[in-house]
Amino acid sequence: MKRTDQERIERELKRREKKTAVESRRVGNREDMDATPGGYIQALLDTLHYDKTTIYNAAGDDEILEIMMSMKEDLPENKWESVLRSAIRKTKVSEKDLAFDELKETLAQA
């Protein structure tokens, strides 16, 4: 085997190790999510699928439903809407009102 082949294999192994390390940190962060409004905003932001105009999984997504159920347990009711609005604002979608209505409906189901 040539030296260049060995170096290529070593680089590929390092990439895979780094990818698994980053993924494990990401999963660990989600599990150790803060029970603060900022923690829930970030968790929602990580879970939402969106483009410039629309949030696609605002209604009917199980992960979002789980986040909202734990949010209802950890935060007072007067913080819920501000968490939703902040997460929507950070997505920078143009249809904010529609997304808020869908998320609020999901929150009512939780």
Protein backbone atom coordinates (compact mmCIF):
# COMPACT_ATOMS: atom_id res chain seq x y z
CA MET A 1 0.00 0.00 0.00
CA LYS A 2 1.32 3.40 -0.89
CA ARG A 3 1.98 6.09 1.64
CA THR A 4 -0.68 8.35 0.11
CA ASP A 5 -3.27 5.59 0.53
CA GLN A 6 -2.34 5.19 4.18
CA GLU A 7 -2.59 8.93 4.77
CA ARG A 8 -5.98 9.02 3.06
CA ILE A 9 -7.24 6.21 5.27
CA GLU A 10 -5.94 7.98 8.38
CA ARG A 11 -7.68 11.22 7.37
CA GLU A 12 -10.94 9.34 6.81
CA LEU A 13 -10.68 7.71 10.24
CA LYS A 14 -10.07 11.08 11.89
CA ARG A 15 -13.10 12.54 10.11
CA ARG A 16 -15.30 9.70 11.31
CA GLU A 17 -14.04 10.03 14.89
CA LYS A 18 -14.67 13.76 14.86
CA LYS A 19 -18.16 13.26 13.42
CA THR A 20 -19.11 10.76 16.14
CA ALA A 21 -17.69 13.04 18.83
CA VAL A 22 -19.70 16.02 17.57
CA GLU A 23 -22.86 13.90 17.30
CA SER A 24 -22.46 12.56 20.83
CA ARG A 25 -22.03 16.10 22.17
CA ARG A 26 -25.14 17.21 20.29
CA VAL A 27 -27.20 14.34 21.72
CA GLY A 28 -25.77 14.98 25.17
CA ASN A 29 -26.72 18.65 24.97
CA ARG A 30 -30.27 17.73 24.05
CA GLU A 31 -30.56 15.35 26.97
CA ASP A 32 -29.02 17.86 29.38
CA MET A 33 -31.25 20.64 28.10
CA ASP A 34 -31.66 23.45 30.57
CA ALA A 35 -35.08 23.80 32.09
CA THR A 36 -34.91 27.52 31.31
CA PRO A 37 -36.66 29.51 28.60
CA GLY A 38 -33.37 29.81 26.70
CA GLY A 39 -32.87 26.04 26.82
CA TYR A 40 -36.33 25.42 25.43
CA ILE A 41 -35.89 28.07 22.73
CA GLN A 42 -32.70 26.37 21.58
CA ALA A 43 -34.28 22.91 21.72
CA LEU A 44 -37.21 24.09 19.58
CA LEU A 45 -34.86 25.83 17.16
CA ASP A 46 -32.81 22.65 16.76
CA THR A 47 -35.94 20.58 16.14
CA LEU A 48 -37.83 22.85 13.72
CA HIS A 49 -37.52 22.34 9.95
CA TYR A 50 -37.92 25.58 8.03
CA ASP A 51 -36.92 27.65 5.05
CA LYS A 52 -37.24 31.40 4.40
CA THR A 53 -41.04 31.39 4.46
CA THR A 54 -42.46 28.46 6.43
CA ILE A 55 -41.88 26.14 9.36
CA TYR A 56 -42.84 22.71 8.13
CA ASN A 57 -43.05 20.53 11.23
CA ALA A 58 -44.73 22.96 13.61
CA ALA A 59 -47.85 20.80 13.87
CA GLY A 60 -47.86 17.07 14.42
CA ASP A 61 -44.18 16.41 15.19
CA ASP A 62 -43.56 14.08 18.13
CA GLU A 63 -40.23 15.67 19.12
CA ILE A 64 -41.78 19.12 19.33
CA LEU A 65 -44.68 17.69 21.32
CA GLU A 66 -42.25 16.13 23.82
CA ILE A 67 -40.35 19.41 24.19
CA MET A 68 -43.58 21.27 24.82
CA MET A 69 -44.77 18.71 27.37
CA SER A 70 -41.58 19.10 29.38
CA MET A 71 -41.77 22.89 28.93
CA LYS A 72 -45.26 22.88 30.46
CA GLU A 73 -43.90 21.02 33.48
CA ASP A 74 -40.79 23.17 33.98
CA LEU A 75 -41.87 26.71 33.09
CA PRO A 76 -44.72 28.88 34.34
CA GLU A 77 -47.58 29.42 31.91
CA ASN A 78 -46.78 33.08 31.31
CA LYS A 79 -43.40 32.08 29.72
CA TRP A 80 -44.77 29.59 27.16
CA GLU A 81 -45.80 32.08 24.47
CA SER A 82 -42.59 34.06 24.77
CA VAL A 83 -40.56 30.87 24.26
CA LEU A 84 -42.57 30.06 21.12
CA ARG A 85 -42.26 33.60 19.75
CA SER A 86 -38.52 33.71 20.41
CA ALA A 87 -37.92 30.37 18.68
CA ILE A 88 -39.95 31.54 15.67
CA ARG A 89 -38.10 34.86 15.57
CA LYS A 90 -34.76 33.05 15.49
CA THR A 91 -35.84 31.00 12.46
CA LYS A 92 -36.37 34.27 10.53
CA VAL A 93 -39.34 32.88 8.57
CA SER A 94 -41.69 35.34 6.91
CA GLU A 95 -44.94 33.63 8.00
CA LYS A 96 -44.48 34.11 11.74
CA ASP A 97 -48.17 34.31 12.63
CA LEU A 98 -49.03 31.02 10.94
CA ALA A 99 -46.10 29.30 12.63
CA PHE A 100 -47.09 30.74 16.02
CA ASP A 101 -50.68 29.54 15.61
CA GLU A 102 -49.51 26.02 14.69
CA LEU A 103 -47.07 25.84 17.60
CA LYS A 104 -49.67 27.19 20.00
CA GLU A 105 -52.10 24.50 18.81
CA THR A 106 -49.43 21.85 19.43
CA LEU A 107 -48.84 23.34 22.88
CA ALA A 108 -52.55 23.01 23.65
CA GLN A 109 -52.39 19.31 22.70
CA ALA A 110 -49.42 18.66 25.01
